[in-house]
Amino acid sequence: MLNNSHSLFHAVHQLSRQLTKQLNEALEPFGLYNAQWAVLYVLKANGALTQKELCEYLAVEAPPMTRTIQRLMKQGYIDQRTGLDKRKKFIHLTSKAESEFPKWEKAVLEANQVLITSLPKGSQDAIYSILSEWLIGIKQQVKTVEEEAIFND
């Protein structure tokens, strides 16, 4: 067991940076980066979302999300459409993004496969389980803190 949490968090941070670096290299031929891929992937998996929903899902602040959305719009991969409630704008994948998505996904899956080959299947399953449990716990803590802040106001 680690004698301090600094080592654990440093290792998680370093792993995250390495995974992001490898993903950026895999997406470079397509003119995309990890942050853009995350938005495209979430929209493909979940359908149209508002910018706020994307921010919440990806745990990204509004300013960097705005920049990412603007870049993707400039590339022709997403567009914004007004919803039934005229105050809401939904972000959609364009037909251009839909047609390019399989190429991007193939590159990402190939990069992921290279990165994970050194881990036995049992370790992959264990890491997934631990990370999922940790993430759920963090989200519950954040929700509790937000609810307490609202209650105390």
C-alpha atoms as a PDB file:
ATOM      1  CA  MET A   1       0.000   0.000   0.000  1.00  0.00           C
ATOM      2  CA  LEU A   2       1.231   3.512  -0.804  1.00  0.00           C
ATOM      3  CA  ASN A   3       2.327   5.497   2.201  1.00  0.00           C
ATOM      4  CA  ASN A   4       0.981   8.726   0.746  1.00  0.00           C
ATOM      5  CA  SER A   5      -1.586   9.670  -1.841  1.00  0.00           C
ATOM      6  CA  HIS A   6       0.886  11.857  -3.747  1.00  0.00           C
ATOM      7  CA  SER A   7       2.423   8.787  -5.379  1.00  0.00           C
ATOM      8  CA  LEU A   8      -0.964   7.421  -6.434  1.00  0.00           C
ATOM      9  CA  PHE A   9      -2.186  10.702  -7.892  1.00  0.00           C
ATOM     10  CA  HIS A  10       1.143  11.348  -9.598  1.00  0.00           C
ATOM     11  CA  ALA A  11       1.004   7.908 -11.228  1.00  0.00           C
ATOM     12  CA  VAL A  12      -2.609   8.448 -12.358  1.00  0.00           C
ATOM     13  CA  HIS A  13      -1.712  11.889 -13.736  1.00  0.00           C
ATOM     14  CA  GLN A  14       1.348  10.538 -15.597  1.00  0.00           C
ATOM     15  CA  LEU A  15      -0.708   7.681 -17.044  1.00  0.00           C
ATOM     16  CA  SER A  16      -3.376  10.132 -18.189  1.00  0.00           C
ATOM     17  CA  ARG A  17      -0.773  12.343 -19.871  1.00  0.00           C
ATOM     18  CA  GLN A  18       0.808   9.362 -21.674  1.00  0.00           C
ATOM     19  CA  LEU A  19      -2.569   8.090 -22.871  1.00  0.00           C
ATOM     20  CA  THR A  20      -3.515  11.576 -24.090  1.00  0.00           C
ATOM     21  CA  LYS A  21      -0.166  11.941 -25.879  1.00  0.00           C
ATOM     22  CA  GLN A  22      -0.620   8.623 -27.688  1.00  0.00           C
ATOM     23  CA  LEU A  23      -4.193   9.471 -28.631  1.00  0.00           C
ATOM     24  CA  ASN A  24      -3.136  12.860 -29.980  1.00  0.00           C
ATOM     25  CA  GLU A  25      -0.488  11.140 -32.124  1.00  0.00           C
ATOM     26  CA  ALA A  26      -3.071   8.681 -33.481  1.00  0.00           C
ATOM     27  CA  LEU A  27      -5.479  11.524 -34.347  1.00  0.00           C
ATOM     28  CA  GLU A  28      -2.866  13.897 -35.772  1.00  0.00           C
ATOM     29  CA  PRO A  29      -3.251  12.666 -39.383  1.00  0.00           C
ATOM     30  CA  PHE A  30      -6.920  13.722 -39.200  1.00  0.00           C
ATOM     31  CA  GLY A  31      -6.229  17.171 -37.735  1.00  0.00           C
ATOM     32  CA  LEU A  32      -7.866  16.232 -34.448  1.00  0.00           C
ATOM     33  CA  TYR A  33      -6.832  16.205 -30.808  1.00  0.00           C
ATOM     34  CA  ASN A  34      -8.003  14.274 -27.767  1.00  0.00           C
ATOM     35  CA  ALA A  35     -10.392  17.027 -26.602  1.00  0.00           C
ATOM     36  CA  GLN A  36     -12.053  17.148 -30.019  1.00  0.00           C
ATOM     37  CA  TRP A  37     -12.268  13.359 -30.209  1.00  0.00           C
ATOM     38  CA  ALA A  38     -13.956  13.281 -26.792  1.00  0.00           C
ATOM     39  CA  VAL A  39     -16.701  15.644 -28.015  1.00  0.00           C
ATOM     40  CA  LEU A  40     -17.160  13.767 -31.291  1.00  0.00           C
ATOM     41  CA  TYR A  41     -17.276  10.405 -29.505  1.00  0.00           C
ATOM     42  CA  VAL A  42     -19.834  11.585 -26.926  1.00  0.00           C
ATOM     43  CA  LEU A  43     -22.053  13.096 -29.633  1.00  0.00           C
ATOM     44  CA  LYS A  44     -21.850   9.894 -31.676  1.00  0.00           C
ATOM     45  CA  ALA A  45     -22.689   7.751 -28.642  1.00  0.00           C
ATOM     46  CA  ASN A  46     -25.404   9.976 -27.137  1.00  0.00           C
ATOM     47  CA  GLY A  47     -26.795  12.065 -29.991  1.00  0.00           C
ATOM     48  CA  ALA A  48     -27.234  15.826 -29.876  1.00  0.00           C
ATOM     49  CA  LEU A  49     -26.392  17.554 -26.592  1.00  0.00           C
ATOM     50  CA  THR A  50     -26.203  21.119 -25.348  1.00  0.00           C
ATOM     51  CA  GLN A  51     -22.834  22.666 -24.575  1.00  0.00           C
ATOM     52  CA  LYS A  52     -23.685  22.531 -20.868  1.00  0.00           C
ATOM     53  CA  GLU A  53     -24.446  18.806 -21.114  1.00  0.00           C
ATOM     54  CA  LEU A  54     -21.139  18.203 -22.904  1.00  0.00           C
ATOM     55  CA  CYS A  55     -19.291  20.174 -20.220  1.00  0.00           C
ATOM     56  CA  GLU A  56     -20.925  18.175 -17.443  1.00  0.00           C
ATOM     57  CA  TYR A  57     -20.409  14.801 -19.111  1.00  0.00           C
ATOM     58  CA  LEU A  58     -16.751  15.433 -19.960  1.00  0.00           C
ATOM     59  CA  ALA A  59     -15.992  17.419 -16.765  1.00  0.00           C
ATOM     60  CA  VAL A  60     -14.678  20.346 -18.815  1.00  0.00           C
ATOM     61  CA  GLU A  61     -15.119  24.024 -17.993  1.00  0.00           C
ATOM     62  CA  ALA A  62     -17.128  26.183 -20.423  1.00  0.00           C
ATOM     63  CA  PRO A  63     -14.256  28.264 -21.946  1.00  0.00           C
ATOM     64  CA  PRO A  64     -12.175  25.324 -23.230  1.00  0.00           C
ATOM     65  CA  MET A  65     -15.368  23.578 -24.388  1.00  0.00           C
ATOM     66  CA  THR A  66     -16.351  26.709 -26.320  1.00  0.00           C
ATOM     67  CA  ARG A  67     -12.957  26.710 -28.063  1.00  0.00           C
ATOM     68  CA  THR A  68     -13.228  23.009 -28.897  1.00  0.00           C
ATOM     69  CA  ILE A  69     -16.738  23.452 -30.288  1.00  0.00           C
ATOM     70  CA  GLN A  70     -15.638  26.434 -32.378  1.00  0.00           C
ATOM     71  CA  ARG A  71     -12.739  24.434 -33.847  1.00  0.00           C
ATOM     72  CA  LEU A  72     -14.995  21.502 -34.682  1.00  0.00           C
ATOM     73  CA  MET A  73     -17.540  23.822 -36.302  1.00  0.00           C
ATOM     74  CA  LYS A  74     -14.774  25.456 -38.365  1.00  0.00           C
ATOM     75  CA  GLN A  75     -13.676  21.970 -39.493  1.00  0.00           C
ATOM     76  CA  GLY A  76     -17.269  21.216 -40.481  1.00  0.00           C
ATOM     77  CA  TYR A  77     -17.694  18.322 -38.040  1.00  0.00           C
ATOM     78  CA  ILE A  78     -20.449  19.739 -35.842  1.00  0.00           C
ATOM     79  CA  ASP A  79     -23.224  22.293 -36.056  1.00  0.00           C
ATOM     80  CA  GLN A  80     -25.582  23.921 -33.600  1.00  0.00           C
ATOM     81  CA  ARG A  81     -29.345  23.863 -33.944  1.00  0.00           C
ATOM     82  CA  THR A  82     -31.950  25.605 -31.867  1.00  0.00           C
ATOM     83  CA  GLY A  83     -34.199  23.246 -29.933  1.00  0.00           C
ATOM     84  CA  LEU A  84     -37.917  23.509 -29.252  1.00  0.00           C
ATOM     85  CA  ASP A  85     -36.999  25.826 -26.404  1.00  0.00           C
ATOM     86  CA  LYS A  86     -35.438  28.613 -28.482  1.00  0.00           C
ATOM     87  CA  ARG A  87     -32.966  29.352 -25.679  1.00  0.00           C
ATOM     88  CA  LYS A  88     -31.265  25.964 -26.065  1.00  0.00           C
ATOM     89  CA  LYS A  89     -28.829  25.125 -28.819  1.00  0.00           C
ATOM     90  CA  PHE A  90     -28.053  21.493 -29.489  1.00  0.00           C
ATOM     91  CA  ILE A  91     -24.748  20.369 -30.921  1.00  0.00           C
ATOM     92  CA  HIS A  92     -24.968  17.725 -33.648  1.00  0.00           C
ATOM     93  CA  LEU A  93     -22.488  15.774 -35.723  1.00  0.00           C
ATOM     94  CA  THR A  94     -22.579  16.813 -39.368  1.00  0.00           C
ATOM     95  CA  SER A  95     -22.811  14.325 -42.217  1.00  0.00           C
ATOM     96  CA  LYS A  96     -19.110  15.036 -42.837  1.00  0.00           C
ATOM     97  CA  ALA A  97     -18.290  13.901 -39.285  1.00  0.00           C
ATOM     98  CA  GLU A  98     -20.556  10.865 -39.613  1.00  0.00           C
ATOM     99  CA  SER A  99     -18.697   9.763 -42.745  1.00  0.00           C
ATOM    100  CA  GLU A 100     -15.229  10.394 -41.221  1.00  0.00           C
ATOM    101  CA  PHE A 101     -16.023   8.897 -37.807  1.00  0.00           C
ATOM    102  CA  PRO A 102     -15.177   5.263 -38.717  1.00  0.00           C
ATOM    103  CA  LYS A 103     -11.650   6.333 -39.764  1.00  0.00           C
ATOM    104  CA  TRP A 104     -11.097   8.233 -36.519  1.00  0.00           C
ATOM    105  CA  GLU A 105     -12.507   5.405 -34.446  1.00  0.00           C
ATOM    106  CA  LYS A 106     -10.277   2.858 -36.196  1.00  0.00           C
ATOM    107  CA  ALA A 107      -7.179   4.956 -35.448  1.00  0.00           C
ATOM    108  CA  VAL A 108      -8.208   5.360 -31.795  1.00  0.00           C
ATOM    109  CA  LEU A 109      -8.977   1.650 -31.370  1.00  0.00           C
ATOM    110  CA  GLU A 110      -5.632   0.693 -32.922  1.00  0.00           C
ATOM    111  CA  ALA A 111      -3.772   3.092 -30.600  1.00  0.00           C
ATOM    112  CA  ASN A 112      -5.706   1.757 -27.601  1.00  0.00           C
ATOM    113  CA  GLN A 113      -4.867  -1.820 -28.562  1.00  0.00           C
ATOM    114  CA  VAL A 114      -1.151  -1.044 -28.722  1.00  0.00           C
ATOM    115  CA  LEU A 115      -1.302   0.666 -25.330  1.00  0.00           C
ATOM    116  CA  ILE A 116      -3.164  -2.157 -23.604  1.00  0.00           C
ATOM    117  CA  THR A 117      -1.281  -5.167 -24.978  1.00  0.00           C
ATOM    118  CA  SER A 118       1.143  -5.187 -22.044  1.00  0.00           C
ATOM    119  CA  LEU A 119      -1.717  -5.753 -19.573  1.00  0.00           C
ATOM    120  CA  PRO A 120      -3.253  -9.200 -19.115  1.00  0.00           C
ATOM    121  CA  LYS A 121      -7.049  -9.353 -19.572  1.00  0.00           C
ATOM    122  CA  GLY A 122      -7.632  -9.882 -15.860  1.00  0.00           C
ATOM    123  CA  SER A 123      -5.673  -6.708 -15.050  1.00  0.00           C
ATOM    124  CA  GLN A 124      -7.625  -4.777 -17.681  1.00  0.00           C
ATOM    125  CA  ASP A 125     -10.896  -5.847 -16.080  1.00  0.00           C
ATOM    126  CA  ALA A 126      -9.632  -5.007 -12.589  1.00  0.00           C
ATOM    127  CA  ILE A 127      -8.422  -1.547 -13.627  1.00  0.00           C
ATOM    128  CA  TYR A 128     -11.725  -0.813 -15.362  1.00  0.00           C
ATOM    129  CA  SER A 129     -13.660  -1.882 -12.280  1.00  0.00           C
ATOM    130  CA  ILE A 130     -11.506   0.181  -9.912  1.00  0.00           C
ATOM    131  CA  LEU A 131     -11.583   3.299 -12.099  1.00  0.00           C
ATOM    132  CA  SER A 132     -15.358   3.031 -12.566  1.00  0.00           C
ATOM    133  CA  GLU A 133     -15.890   2.678  -8.824  1.00  0.00           C
ATOM    134  CA  TRP A 134     -13.578   5.636  -8.125  1.00  0.00           C
ATOM    135  CA  LEU A 135     -15.284   7.847 -10.694  1.00  0.00           C
ATOM    136  CA  ILE A 136     -18.753   7.048  -9.343  1.00  0.00           C
ATOM    137  CA  GLY A 137     -17.542   7.883  -5.843  1.00  0.00           C
ATOM    138  CA  ILE A 138     -16.085  11.207  -6.968  1.00  0.00           C
ATOM    139  CA  LYS A 139     -19.294  12.145  -8.774  1.00  0.00           C
ATOM    140  CA  GLN A 140     -21.335  11.313  -5.677  1.00  0.00           C
ATOM    141  CA  GLN A 141     -19.040  13.450  -3.515  1.00  0.00           C
ATOM    142  CA  VAL A 142     -19.310  16.387  -5.908  1.00  0.00           C
ATOM    143  CA  LYS A 143     -23.102  16.076  -6.008  1.00  0.00           C
ATOM    144  CA  THR A 144     -23.282  15.993  -2.195  1.00  0.00           C
ATOM    145  CA  VAL A 145     -21.080  19.092  -1.887  1.00  0.00           C
ATOM    146  CA  GLU A 146     -23.196  20.944  -4.474  1.00  0.00           C
ATOM    147  CA  GLU A 147     -26.429  19.965  -2.698  1.00  0.00           C
ATOM    148  CA  GLU A 148     -25.025  21.127   0.653  1.00  0.00           C
ATOM    149  CA  ALA A 149     -23.981  24.447  -0.875  1.00  0.00           C
ATOM    150  CA  ILE A 150     -27.497  24.984  -2.239  1.00  0.00           C
ATOM    151  CA  PHE A 151     -29.066  23.993   1.082  1.00  0.00           C
ATOM    152  CA  ASN A 152     -26.783  26.373   3.018  1.00  0.00           C
ATOM    153  CA  ASP A 153     -27.474  29.371   0.762  1.00  0.00           C
END
